[in-house]
């Protein structure tokens, strides 16, 4: 999913007053965290609006729902909709945890069990 696709989907489901530049900054925050904390990269991924609008985000289906949840949580926060924000934030944390666990399982180092070091 690209930045533009996430923004369009969120705006369709939950109209808001936040600019695409602000939403891109939030998506940049999410992928910076994913690139460094989950993927173990040294330099965080960053995006700039509008140049990166057609850039594919790091997480694909079925875990990519985390992006819309993060934007929704942030727009709820800015709109002082704290109950809605708490729900969106909890769903985001759940989705992020699911992705992180799946990624770590898929990228485990090979086991050295069965090999003897001499």
C-alpha atoms as a PDB file:
ATOM      1  CA  UNK A   1       0.000   0.000   0.000  1.00  0.00           C
ATOM      2  CA  UNK A   2       1.317   3.462  -0.852  1.00  0.00           C
ATOM      3  CA  UNK A   3       1.175   6.630   1.222  1.00  0.00           C
ATOM      4  CA  UNK A   4      -1.466   8.086  -1.119  1.00  0.00           C
ATOM      5  CA  UNK A   5      -3.592   4.931  -0.832  1.00  0.00           C
ATOM      6  CA  UNK A   6      -3.527   4.976   2.971  1.00  0.00           C
ATOM      7  CA  UNK A   7      -4.420   8.673   3.083  1.00  0.00           C
ATOM      8  CA  UNK A   8      -7.287   8.212   0.596  1.00  0.00           C
ATOM      9  CA  UNK A   9      -8.653   5.230   2.523  1.00  0.00           C
ATOM     10  CA  UNK A  10      -8.547   7.043   5.878  1.00  0.00           C
ATOM     11  CA  UNK A  11     -10.134  10.177   4.406  1.00  0.00           C
ATOM     12  CA  UNK A  12     -12.927   8.094   2.875  1.00  0.00           C
ATOM     13  CA  UNK A  13     -13.691   6.197   6.077  1.00  0.00           C
ATOM     14  CA  UNK A  14     -13.159   9.044   8.519  1.00  0.00           C
ATOM     15  CA  UNK A  15     -13.133  12.546   7.002  1.00  0.00           C
ATOM     16  CA  UNK A  16     -10.778  14.891   8.867  1.00  0.00           C
ATOM     17  CA  UNK A  17      -9.095  18.274   8.606  1.00  0.00           C
ATOM     18  CA  UNK A  18      -5.479  17.055   8.695  1.00  0.00           C
ATOM     19  CA  UNK A  19      -3.346  17.731   5.640  1.00  0.00           C
ATOM     20  CA  UNK A  20      -1.707  15.042   3.523  1.00  0.00           C
ATOM     21  CA  UNK A  21       1.650  16.456   4.660  1.00  0.00           C
ATOM     22  CA  UNK A  22       0.755  15.828   8.301  1.00  0.00           C
ATOM     23  CA  UNK A  23      -0.516  12.327   7.554  1.00  0.00           C
ATOM     24  CA  UNK A  24       2.672  11.585   5.624  1.00  0.00           C
ATOM     25  CA  UNK A  25       4.709  12.726   8.643  1.00  0.00           C
ATOM     26  CA  UNK A  26       2.743  10.291  10.834  1.00  0.00           C
ATOM     27  CA  UNK A  27       3.314   7.453   8.362  1.00  0.00           C
ATOM     28  CA  UNK A  28       6.986   8.375   8.403  1.00  0.00           C
ATOM     29  CA  UNK A  29       6.984   8.033  12.215  1.00  0.00           C
ATOM     30  CA  UNK A  30       5.474   4.550  11.960  1.00  0.00           C
ATOM     31  CA  UNK A  31       7.872   3.303   9.288  1.00  0.00           C
ATOM     32  CA  UNK A  32      10.860   4.865  11.079  1.00  0.00           C
ATOM     33  CA  UNK A  33       9.934   2.826  14.141  1.00  0.00           C
ATOM     34  CA  UNK A  34       9.392  -0.326  12.065  1.00  0.00           C
ATOM     35  CA  UNK A  35      12.625   0.081  10.106  1.00  0.00           C
ATOM     36  CA  UNK A  36      14.781   0.555  13.214  1.00  0.00           C
ATOM     37  CA  UNK A  37      13.016  -1.404  15.968  1.00  0.00           C
ATOM     38  CA  UNK A  38      11.564  -4.323  14.011  1.00  0.00           C
ATOM     39  CA  UNK A  39      13.771  -4.640  10.923  1.00  0.00           C
ATOM     40  CA  UNK A  40      16.948  -3.667  12.773  1.00  0.00           C
ATOM     41  CA  UNK A  41      18.106  -1.051  10.275  1.00  0.00           C
ATOM     42  CA  UNK A  42      20.377   1.700  11.516  1.00  0.00           C
ATOM     43  CA  UNK A  43      18.869   4.584   9.554  1.00  0.00           C
ATOM     44  CA  UNK A  44      15.130   5.167   9.946  1.00  0.00           C
ATOM     45  CA  UNK A  45      12.913   5.303   6.892  1.00  0.00           C
ATOM     46  CA  UNK A  46      11.451   8.780   6.317  1.00  0.00           C
ATOM     47  CA  UNK A  47       8.910  10.195   3.887  1.00  0.00           C
ATOM     48  CA  UNK A  48       8.180  13.706   2.624  1.00  0.00           C
ATOM     49  CA  UNK A  49       4.918  14.934   1.117  1.00  0.00           C
ATOM     50  CA  UNK A  50       4.231  15.123  -1.842  1.00  0.00           C
ATOM     51  CA  UNK A  51       7.431  13.584  -3.217  1.00  0.00           C
ATOM     52  CA  UNK A  52       6.893  10.197  -1.577  1.00  0.00           C
ATOM     53  CA  UNK A  53       3.136   9.912  -2.119  1.00  0.00           C
ATOM     54  CA  UNK A  54       3.455   6.917  -4.433  1.00  0.00           C
ATOM     55  CA  UNK A  55       6.015   5.160  -2.240  1.00  0.00           C
ATOM     56  CA  UNK A  56       5.049   1.738  -0.923  1.00  0.00           C
ATOM     57  CA  UNK A  57       5.068   1.522   2.857  1.00  0.00           C
ATOM     58  CA  UNK A  58       7.133  -1.147   4.613  1.00  0.00           C
ATOM     59  CA  UNK A  59       4.284  -3.347   5.855  1.00  0.00           C
ATOM     60  CA  UNK A  60       2.084  -5.208   3.413  1.00  0.00           C
ATOM     61  CA  UNK A  61      -1.163  -7.125   3.792  1.00  0.00           C
ATOM     62  CA  UNK A  62      -2.583  -8.429   6.005  1.00  0.00           C
ATOM     63  CA  UNK A  63      -0.755  -6.254   8.537  1.00  0.00           C
ATOM     64  CA  UNK A  64      -0.930  -2.917   6.690  1.00  0.00           C
ATOM     65  CA  UNK A  65      -4.095  -1.884   8.545  1.00  0.00           C
ATOM     66  CA  UNK A  66      -1.783  -0.507  11.224  1.00  0.00           C
ATOM     67  CA  UNK A  67      -1.164   2.607   9.096  1.00  0.00           C
ATOM     68  CA  UNK A  68      -4.792   3.687   8.931  1.00  0.00           C
ATOM     69  CA  UNK A  69      -5.214   2.962  12.626  1.00  0.00           C
ATOM     70  CA  UNK A  70      -2.271   5.216  13.509  1.00  0.00           C
ATOM     71  CA  UNK A  71      -3.550   8.111  11.397  1.00  0.00           C
ATOM     72  CA  UNK A  72      -7.029   7.659  12.868  1.00  0.00           C
ATOM     73  CA  UNK A  73      -5.638   7.707  16.411  1.00  0.00           C
ATOM     74  CA  UNK A  74      -3.695  10.885  15.703  1.00  0.00           C
ATOM     75  CA  UNK A  75      -6.630  12.677  14.066  1.00  0.00           C
ATOM     76  CA  UNK A  76      -8.840  11.653  17.000  1.00  0.00           C
ATOM     77  CA  UNK A  77      -6.241  13.077  19.380  1.00  0.00           C
ATOM     78  CA  UNK A  78      -6.073  16.377  17.519  1.00  0.00           C
ATOM     79  CA  UNK A  79      -9.869  16.535  17.496  1.00  0.00           C
ATOM     80  CA  UNK A  80      -9.977  15.986  21.282  1.00  0.00           C
ATOM     81  CA  UNK A  81     -11.837  12.710  20.706  1.00  0.00           C
ATOM     82  CA  UNK A  82      -9.931  10.915  23.445  1.00  0.00           C
ATOM     83  CA  UNK A  83     -12.194   7.878  23.824  1.00  0.00           C
ATOM     84  CA  UNK A  84     -12.040   7.217  20.080  1.00  0.00           C
ATOM     85  CA  UNK A  85      -8.284   7.873  20.147  1.00  0.00           C
ATOM     86  CA  UNK A  86      -7.794   5.276  22.885  1.00  0.00           C
ATOM     87  CA  UNK A  87      -9.644   2.657  20.858  1.00  0.00           C
ATOM     88  CA  UNK A  88      -7.702   3.463  17.675  1.00  0.00           C
ATOM     89  CA  UNK A  89      -4.391   3.522  19.564  1.00  0.00           C
ATOM     90  CA  UNK A  90      -5.092   0.155  21.190  1.00  0.00           C
ATOM     91  CA  UNK A  91      -5.984  -1.357  17.809  1.00  0.00           C
ATOM     92  CA  UNK A  92      -2.799   0.141  16.315  1.00  0.00           C
ATOM     93  CA  UNK A  93      -0.644  -1.326  19.096  1.00  0.00           C
ATOM     94  CA  UNK A  94      -2.267  -4.721  18.572  1.00  0.00           C
ATOM     95  CA  UNK A  95      -1.690  -4.583  14.803  1.00  0.00           C
ATOM     96  CA  UNK A  96       1.907  -3.402  15.267  1.00  0.00           C
ATOM     97  CA  UNK A  97       2.569  -6.212  17.736  1.00  0.00           C
ATOM     98  CA  UNK A  98       1.117  -8.799  15.358  1.00  0.00           C
ATOM     99  CA  UNK A  99       3.358  -7.564  12.548  1.00  0.00           C
ATOM    100  CA  UNK A 100       6.476  -7.417  14.738  1.00  0.00           C
ATOM    101  CA  UNK A 101       5.914 -10.967  15.999  1.00  0.00           C
ATOM    102  CA  UNK A 102       5.347 -12.307  12.489  1.00  0.00           C
ATOM    103  CA  UNK A 103       8.432 -10.525  11.175  1.00  0.00           C
ATOM    104  CA  UNK A 104      10.619 -11.826  13.984  1.00  0.00           C
ATOM    105  CA  UNK A 105       9.379 -15.408  13.468  1.00  0.00           C
ATOM    106  CA  UNK A 106      10.052 -15.187   9.740  1.00  0.00           C
ATOM    107  CA  UNK A 107      13.527 -13.714  10.186  1.00  0.00           C
ATOM    108  CA  UNK A 108      14.905 -15.792  13.052  1.00  0.00           C
ATOM    109  CA  UNK A 109      18.539 -16.727  12.762  1.00  0.00           C
ATOM    110  CA  UNK A 110      19.162 -20.358  11.886  1.00  0.00           C
ATOM    111  CA  UNK A 111      19.422 -22.541  14.946  1.00  0.00           C
ATOM    112  CA  UNK A 112      22.820 -23.896  15.848  1.00  0.00           C
ATOM    113  CA  UNK A 113      21.275 -26.780  17.769  1.00  0.00           C
ATOM    114  CA  UNK A 114      22.829 -30.088  16.800  1.00  0.00           C
ATOM    115  CA  UNK A 115      26.204 -28.540  16.034  1.00  0.00           C
ATOM    116  CA  UNK A 116      29.052 -28.975  18.455  1.00  0.00           C
ATOM    117  CA  UNK A 117      31.703 -26.347  18.855  1.00  0.00           C
ATOM    118  CA  UNK A 118      35.138 -27.832  19.280  1.00  0.00           C
END
